[in-house]
Protein backbone atom coordinates (compact mmCIF):
# COMPACT_ATOMS: atom_id res chain seq x y z
CA MET A 1 8.65 40.62 -28.43
CA TRP A 2 11.48 40.71 -25.87
CA TRP A 3 9.68 38.25 -23.63
CA ARG A 4 9.49 35.53 -26.24
CA ARG A 5 13.21 35.73 -26.80
CA THR A 6 14.35 35.65 -23.19
CA LEU A 7 11.82 33.92 -20.95
CA SER A 8 11.51 30.18 -20.67
CA SER A 9 8.87 28.16 -22.47
CA SER A 10 6.90 27.96 -19.23
CA TYR A 11 6.04 31.65 -19.37
CA ARG A 12 4.37 33.49 -22.27
CA CYS A 13 3.08 37.01 -22.79
CA TYR A 14 0.65 38.21 -25.43
CA LEU A 15 -0.80 41.53 -26.55
CA GLU A 16 -4.54 41.98 -26.03
CA ARG A 17 -6.64 44.69 -27.67
CA ARG A 18 -9.60 45.85 -25.61
CA ARG A 19 -12.88 47.18 -27.01
CA SER A 20 -11.72 50.70 -26.22
CA GLY A 21 -8.80 50.17 -28.57
CA ALA A 22 -6.24 50.12 -25.76
CA LYS A 23 -3.51 47.50 -25.90
CA ILE A 24 -2.31 45.70 -22.78
CA TRP A 25 0.19 42.93 -22.11
CA ARG A 26 -1.11 39.79 -20.44
CA CYS A 27 1.16 37.04 -19.12
CA LEU A 28 0.39 33.35 -18.85
CA THR A 29 2.35 30.84 -16.85
CA ARG A 30 2.50 27.25 -18.02
CA PRO A 31 4.14 25.34 -15.14
CA THR A 32 6.74 22.80 -16.05
CA CYS A 33 5.16 20.59 -13.37
CA GLY A 34 1.40 20.03 -13.10
CA ALA A 35 -0.43 22.00 -10.45
CA PRO A 36 -2.73 20.14 -8.08
CA ALA A 37 -6.36 20.24 -9.12
CA VAL A 38 -8.46 23.02 -7.65
CA PRO A 39 -10.43 21.34 -4.84
CA ALA A 40 -14.07 20.65 -5.63
CA GLY A 41 -15.07 21.34 -2.06
CA ARG A 42 -14.28 24.21 0.25
CA ILE A 43 -10.80 24.63 1.73
CA THR A 44 -9.34 26.82 4.47
CA ALA A 45 -6.29 29.05 4.12
CA LEU A 46 -4.36 26.72 6.45
CA GLN A 47 -5.22 23.75 4.26
CA ALA A 48 -4.20 25.66 1.14
CA LEU A 49 -0.87 26.52 2.78
CA ASP A 50 -0.24 22.84 3.49
CA VAL A 51 -1.25 21.71 -0.01
CA TRP A 52 1.03 24.14 -1.75
CA LYS A 53 3.95 23.74 0.62
CA ARG A 54 3.94 19.99 -0.06
CA HIS A 55 3.53 20.49 -3.79
CA PHE A 56 6.42 22.96 -3.91
CA VAL A 57 8.60 20.50 -2.00
CA GLU A 58 7.70 17.64 -4.33
CA ASN A 59 8.58 19.75 -7.37
CA GLY A 60 11.86 21.17 -6.08
CA VAL A 61 10.72 24.77 -5.67
CA THR A 62 13.08 26.66 -3.39
CA GLU A 63 11.79 27.97 -0.06
CA PRO A 64 8.45 26.16 -0.36
CA GLU A 65 6.98 27.18 2.99
CA GLN A 66 7.88 30.86 2.70
CA SER A 67 6.64 30.94 -0.90
CA SER A 68 3.18 29.63 -0.04
CA GLN A 69 2.98 31.84 3.05
CA HIS A 70 3.81 35.06 1.23
CA ILE A 71 1.42 34.37 -1.64
CA ILE A 72 -1.54 33.41 0.52
CA ALA A 73 -0.92 36.22 3.03
CA HIS A 74 -0.91 38.65 0.10
CA LEU A 75 -4.25 37.35 -1.14
CA LEU A 76 -5.66 37.76 2.36
CA GLY A 77 -4.58 41.40 2.41
CA ALA A 78 -1.63 40.94 4.78
CA LYS A 79 2.13 41.27 4.53
CA THR A 80 3.02 38.11 6.45
CA ILE A 81 1.12 35.00 7.40
CA GLU A 82 1.88 35.77 11.07
CA SER A 83 -0.10 39.00 10.79
CA VAL A 84 -3.24 37.16 9.66
CA GLU A 85 -5.65 36.34 12.48
CA GLN A 86 -5.86 32.64 13.26
CA GLN A 87 -9.63 32.77 12.89
CA ARG A 88 -9.23 34.03 9.33
CA LEU A 89 -6.77 31.28 8.50
CA ALA A 90 -9.21 28.68 9.77
CA GLU A 91 -12.12 30.08 7.75
CA PHE A 92 -13.08 28.61 4.41
CA LEU A 93 -11.82 30.51 1.39
CA SER A 94 -14.38 31.69 -1.09
CA LYS A 95 -14.45 30.06 -4.51
CA GLU A 96 -12.80 33.17 -6.00
CA GLU A 97 -10.08 33.22 -3.29
CA THR A 98 -9.34 29.53 -3.87
CA GLN A 99 -8.99 30.10 -7.60
CA GLN A 100 -6.64 33.04 -6.96
CA VAL A 101 -4.47 30.93 -4.65
CA TRP A 102 -4.19 28.23 -7.30
CA ARG A 103 -3.47 30.73 -10.06
CA LEU A 104 -0.68 32.54 -8.21
CA CYS A 105 0.88 29.44 -6.66
CA SER A 106 0.93 27.82 -10.10
CA LYS A 107 3.16 30.69 -11.23
CA ARG A 108 5.61 29.76 -8.48
CA LEU A 109 5.83 26.27 -9.97
CA SER A 110 7.40 27.86 -13.06
CA ARG A 111 9.99 29.32 -10.62
CA MET A 112 8.68 32.85 -10.99
CA PRO A 113 9.98 34.80 -7.95
CA VAL A 114 7.40 35.58 -5.28
CA GLN A 115 8.21 39.27 -5.70
CA PHE A 116 6.90 39.16 -9.27
CA ILE A 117 3.91 37.02 -8.35
CA ILE A 118 2.59 39.41 -5.69
CA GLU A 119 3.96 42.40 -7.68
CA GLU A 120 5.55 44.17 -4.74
CA TRP A 121 8.34 43.81 -2.21
CA ASP A 122 9.82 45.65 0.72
CA PHE A 123 13.18 47.41 0.65
CA ARG A 124 14.10 48.91 4.01
CA ASP A 125 11.03 51.01 4.91
CA LEU A 126 9.61 51.23 1.38
CA THR A 127 7.11 49.03 -0.41
CA LEU A 128 8.06 48.98 -4.10
CA LYS A 129 6.18 47.72 -7.11
CA MET A 130 7.91 44.78 -8.83
CA ARG A 131 7.49 43.30 -12.29
CA PRO A 132 9.66 41.29 -14.67
CA PRO A 133 12.22 41.66 -16.08
CA VAL A 134 13.38 44.42 -13.71
CA PHE A 135 16.07 43.33 -11.26
CA ILE A 136 14.72 42.56 -7.76
CA PRO A 137 16.59 44.41 -4.96
CA ARG A 138 18.42 42.03 -2.62
CA PRO A 139 18.63 42.24 1.18
CA GLU A 140 22.39 42.86 1.10
CA THR A 141 21.84 46.05 -0.91
CA GLU A 142 20.09 47.45 2.15
CA GLU A 143 23.49 47.30 3.86
CA LEU A 144 24.98 49.37 1.04
CA VAL A 145 22.28 51.99 1.57
CA GLU A 146 22.98 52.03 5.31
CA LEU A 147 26.65 52.73 4.63
CA VAL A 148 25.82 55.59 2.27
CA LEU A 149 23.35 57.07 4.75
CA THR A 150 25.82 56.88 7.61
CA ASP A 151 28.51 58.67 5.62
CA LEU A 152 26.13 61.35 4.32
CA GLN A 153 24.85 62.00 7.83
CA ASN A 154 28.39 62.19 9.22
CA HIS A 155 29.63 64.33 6.33
CA PRO A 156 26.65 66.42 5.21
CA GLY A 157 28.78 68.83 3.14
CA SER A 158 28.01 72.49 2.55
CA THR A 159 24.81 73.91 4.00
CA GLU A 160 24.48 76.15 0.93
CA THR A 161 24.60 73.22 -1.51
CA PRO A 162 22.26 70.25 -0.85
CA PRO A 163 23.89 66.82 -1.33
CA THR A 164 23.29 65.09 -4.64
CA CYS A 165 23.35 61.41 -5.55
CA LEU A 166 23.90 59.67 -8.89
CA GLU A 167 22.87 56.03 -9.17
CA VAL A 168 24.06 53.95 -12.10
CA GLY A 169 21.64 51.14 -12.92
CA CYS A 170 18.65 52.00 -10.73
CA GLY A 171 16.40 49.03 -11.54
CA SER A 172 13.23 49.49 -9.49
CA GLY A 173 14.65 52.64 -7.91
CA ALA A 174 15.22 50.99 -4.53
CA ILE A 175 18.57 52.60 -3.65
CA SER A 176 17.81 56.14 -4.77
CA LEU A 177 14.29 56.19 -3.34
CA SER A 178 15.45 54.79 -0.02
CA LEU A 179 18.13 57.47 0.24
CA LEU A 180 15.65 60.20 -0.70
CA LYS A 181 13.14 58.98 1.88
CA SER A 182 15.76 59.08 4.63
CA LEU A 183 17.40 62.38 3.62
CA PRO A 184 14.85 65.11 2.84
CA GLN A 185 17.58 67.49 1.63
CA LEU A 186 19.00 65.03 -0.92
CA GLU A 187 18.42 65.26 -4.67
CA ALA A 188 19.08 62.28 -6.92
CA PHE A 189 19.77 61.37 -10.54
CA ALA A 190 19.67 57.85 -11.95
CA LEU A 191 20.90 56.21 -15.15
CA GLU A 192 19.27 53.02 -16.44
CA ARG A 193 19.76 51.16 -19.73
CA SER A 194 16.45 49.27 -19.55
CA GLN A 195 13.26 51.13 -20.48
CA ASP A 196 11.28 48.66 -18.32
CA ALA A 197 13.37 49.66 -15.31
CA VAL A 198 13.14 53.37 -16.11
CA ASP A 199 9.34 53.12 -16.18
CA LEU A 200 9.22 51.15 -12.94
CA SER A 201 11.57 53.54 -11.13
CA ARG A 202 9.45 56.50 -12.17
CA GLU A 203 6.29 54.70 -11.11
CA ASN A 204 7.72 53.88 -7.69
CA ALA A 205 8.93 57.45 -7.26
CA SER A 206 5.46 58.78 -8.04
CA ARG A 207 3.78 56.33 -5.66
CA LEU A 208 6.10 57.50 -2.88
CA GLY A 209 5.74 61.19 -3.70
CA LEU A 210 9.45 61.51 -4.55
CA GLN A 211 9.18 62.15 -8.29
CA ASP A 212 10.25 65.78 -7.97
CA ARG A 213 13.56 64.83 -6.34
CA LEU A 214 14.57 61.97 -8.65
CA LYS A 215 15.42 62.38 -12.33
CA VAL A 216 15.73 59.06 -14.17
CA TYR A 217 17.56 59.01 -17.51
CA HIS A 218 17.20 56.20 -20.03
CA MET A 219 20.92 55.87 -20.76
CA ASP A 220 23.55 53.16 -21.02
CA VAL A 221 26.64 54.15 -19.01
CA ILE A 222 28.90 52.52 -21.63
CA LYS A 223 27.14 53.31 -24.92
CA ASP A 224 25.89 56.78 -24.00
CA ALA A 225 28.92 58.13 -22.12
CA GLU A 226 29.33 61.06 -24.52
CA LYS A 227 25.79 62.25 -23.74
CA MET A 228 26.34 62.55 -19.99
CA PRO A 229 28.43 65.73 -19.64
CA GLY A 230 26.16 68.59 -18.71
CA LEU A 231 23.40 66.42 -17.23
CA PHE A 232 24.88 66.58 -13.74
CA SER A 233 28.03 67.69 -11.95
CA SER A 234 29.38 68.13 -8.42
CA ILE A 235 27.79 64.86 -7.34
CA SER A 236 28.26 64.15 -3.63
CA VAL A 237 27.67 60.41 -3.91
CA LEU A 238 27.85 57.98 -6.81
CA VAL A 239 26.26 54.65 -5.90
CA SER A 240 25.67 51.51 -7.91
CA ASN A 241 24.78 47.87 -7.65
CA PRO A 242 26.17 47.19 -11.13
CA PRO A 243 26.27 43.97 -13.17
CA TYR A 244 29.19 42.27 -11.42
CA LEU A 245 28.91 38.53 -12.02
CA PHE A 246 31.65 36.86 -14.02
CA SER A 247 30.15 35.66 -17.32
CA GLU A 248 31.12 32.09 -16.53
CA ASP A 249 28.98 32.24 -13.39
CA MET A 250 25.82 33.08 -15.31
CA ALA A 251 25.29 29.39 -16.00
CA THR A 252 24.93 28.78 -12.24
CA LEU A 253 21.96 31.10 -11.82
CA GLU A 254 18.80 29.69 -10.32
CA PRO A 255 15.71 29.54 -12.59
CA GLU A 256 14.16 32.39 -10.60
CA ILE A 257 16.62 34.75 -12.23
CA SER A 258 17.62 33.03 -15.47
CA ARG A 259 13.99 32.89 -16.60
CA PHE A 260 12.56 36.10 -15.24
CA GLU A 261 15.16 38.80 -14.51
CA ASP A 262 17.17 40.88 -16.95
CA ARG A 263 20.45 39.02 -17.41
CA ALA A 264 22.14 42.24 -18.52
CA ALA A 265 21.62 43.55 -14.98
CA LEU A 266 23.90 40.76 -13.70
CA ASP A 267 26.47 39.81 -16.33
CA GLY A 268 29.56 41.98 -15.80
CA GLY A 269 31.62 40.37 -18.55
CA GLU A 270 34.57 38.00 -18.41
CA ASP A 271 35.90 39.41 -15.13
CA GLY A 272 32.67 41.04 -13.93
CA LEU A 273 34.15 44.52 -14.30
CA ASN A 274 32.82 45.84 -17.61
CA VAL A 275 30.40 48.34 -16.09
CA ILE A 276 32.47 48.93 -12.95
CA ARG A 277 35.48 50.04 -15.01
CA GLN A 278 33.29 52.47 -16.93
CA ILE A 279 31.82 53.91 -13.73
CA LEU A 280 35.28 54.48 -12.24
CA THR A 281 36.54 55.99 -15.48
CA LEU A 282 33.71 58.54 -15.64
CA ALA A 283 33.43 59.26 -11.91
CA PRO A 284 36.09 62.01 -11.65
CA ASP A 285 34.14 64.15 -14.14
CA PHE A 286 30.95 64.02 -12.09
CA LEU A 287 32.03 63.93 -8.46
CA SER A 288 32.35 67.02 -6.29
CA ASN A 289 35.41 67.62 -4.19
CA ARG A 290 35.49 64.91 -1.54
CA GLY A 291 32.75 63.07 -3.42
CA ARG A 292 32.40 59.34 -2.78
CA ILE A 293 31.66 56.21 -4.78
CA TYR A 294 29.87 53.18 -3.35
CA LEU A 295 29.79 49.95 -5.31
CA GLU A 296 28.42 46.51 -4.55
CA VAL A 297 30.86 43.97 -5.97
CA ASP A 298 31.77 40.30 -6.12
CA PRO A 299 34.02 38.95 -3.33
CA ARG A 300 36.81 38.47 -5.89
CA HIS A 301 36.76 42.08 -7.03
CA PRO A 302 38.44 44.35 -4.45
CA ALA A 303 41.99 43.38 -5.39
CA LEU A 304 41.20 43.52 -9.12
CA ILE A 305 39.59 46.94 -8.80
CA ARG A 306 42.42 48.25 -6.68
CA ARG A 307 45.02 47.31 -9.30
CA TRP A 308 42.92 48.66 -12.15
CA VAL A 309 42.26 52.01 -10.46
CA GLU A 310 45.95 52.46 -9.61
CA ASP A 311 46.90 51.78 -13.24
CA ASN A 312 44.13 53.68 -15.03
CA VAL A 313 42.39 56.38 -12.96
CA GLU A 314 44.88 59.00 -11.92
CA GLU A 315 42.47 60.92 -9.72
CA LEU A 316 41.54 57.97 -7.52
CA ARG A 317 43.71 55.83 -5.28
CA PHE A 318 43.04 53.14 -2.71
CA VAL A 319 44.28 53.95 0.76
CA GLU A 320 43.04 51.08 2.93
CA THR A 321 40.89 47.99 2.95
CA ARG A 322 39.16 46.75 6.05
CA GLN A 323 36.80 43.97 7.10
CA ASP A 324 33.82 45.28 9.01
CA VAL A 325 31.76 43.42 11.61
CA SER A 326 28.99 42.51 9.16
CA GLY A 327 31.39 40.66 6.89
CA LEU A 328 31.39 43.33 4.22
CA VAL A 329 34.68 44.60 2.91
CA SER A 330 35.04 48.36 2.60
CA ALA A 331 37.84 50.10 0.78
CA SER A 332 38.63 53.78 0.95
CA SER A 333 40.26 55.70 -1.85
CA ARG A 334 41.41 59.25 -2.28
CA LYS A 335 42.38 61.42 -5.20
CA ARG A 336 46.08 61.55 -5.83
CA SER A 337 46.06 64.28 -8.48
CA HIS A 338 47.57 67.46 -7.17
CA ILE A 339 44.96 69.37 -9.20
CA ARG A 340 41.90 67.84 -7.60
CA PRO A 341 41.20 67.83 -3.85
CA LEU A 342 40.51 64.74 -1.78
CA ARG A 343 37.85 62.24 -2.83
CA TRP A 344 36.79 58.90 -1.37
CA ILE A 345 35.70 55.53 -2.76
CA ARG A 346 34.15 52.87 -0.56
CA ILE A 347 33.63 49.47 -2.15
CA GLU A 348 31.08 47.16 -0.63
CA LYS A 349 31.62 43.42 -0.74
CA PRO A 350 28.28 41.71 0.15
CA ARG A 351 27.44 38.07 0.31
CA SER A 352 27.50 36.46 -3.09
CA TYR A 353 23.97 35.44 -4.03
CA TYR A 354 24.17 33.96 -7.51
CA ALA A 355 24.61 30.39 -6.27
CA GLY A 356 21.46 30.57 -4.16
CA PHE A 357 17.91 31.80 -4.61
CA SER A 358 18.99 34.84 -6.51
CA SER A 359 15.86 36.95 -6.08
CA GLY A 360 16.57 37.28 -2.34
CA ARG A 361 16.04 34.51 0.17
CA LEU A 362 12.52 34.85 1.45
CA GLY A 363 13.43 33.65 4.91
CA SER A 364 15.97 36.43 5.43
CA ALA A 365 14.47 39.22 3.39
CA ARG A 366 11.74 41.28 4.98
CA PRO A 367 8.29 40.98 3.40
CA PRO A 368 6.59 44.09 2.03
CA HIS A 369 6.40 46.89 4.55
CA THR A 370 3.22 47.21 6.54
């Protein structure tokens, strides 16, 4: 009954038993604001877009135009409203199509993210299945993947040993699957504390034909640390978009995330570093020589992490911090132990999203891949 404990009163799930004996979860949305009545007469897609855009505006729903466009385009079998032929937009919707528009747009009134409403979203060149409460990948995480890809392509490592990647907190599998799609020689492991996310990552991997190259473990990097030795070693790249929000900032989250996404995937503790400290503590045991760590962090974190690493992780040391042209801060680190050869850490500092539409601004994020 996890849903009943964590989702708002506007969203309820119940267990249904079919005649076959199978049990399935069904979810109902009860909007906090009343939806407009389903029109008695016929209506075109363009008219439906206008109705719902105005209703979203009146009820304070963020990104009202993009929300209605993505939902209606999805129902018309397209990725974007621009890709729908004008003739189709001007045609009358069938009774069933009209009812579907009203049903899905009513979910948006409860502030359910569009990604969960249409049940998919694009990450780089992949279309991934999405469902609550699994964390929705943000556009800025694509920049983290680009950095990892660039470094792996520039430093491919030994030809005898294929590169390996460990992701901590894989969510929908976006980072690992994107890396695997781009690098056919790569093999990946992923740790995830949420069973919902483990299931979704495995489902996305299977849909993309990458299930043989990604092993997903249902493990908590803090609680299950003693179980990890022996699962993997000589990792070329450790990458994570960990929970990094300061606990005090959780109260500022938009309803899109506070009602529908797993808060544990965001709350990093008092200073946002609970999981990050654990990752950096364990990393030397898993990384190969010259292995690298890539973390997405809060803008306030680089200096805090630098001091903590210097005081607590003997094998790792910051060497330089630089501001790149995209506004992300990268930091390089190398091992300072005379026993272990050189290793590198690069710490990404993306735009902070928790004060805005935290499931990824629809205007800047790409829609699902065509």
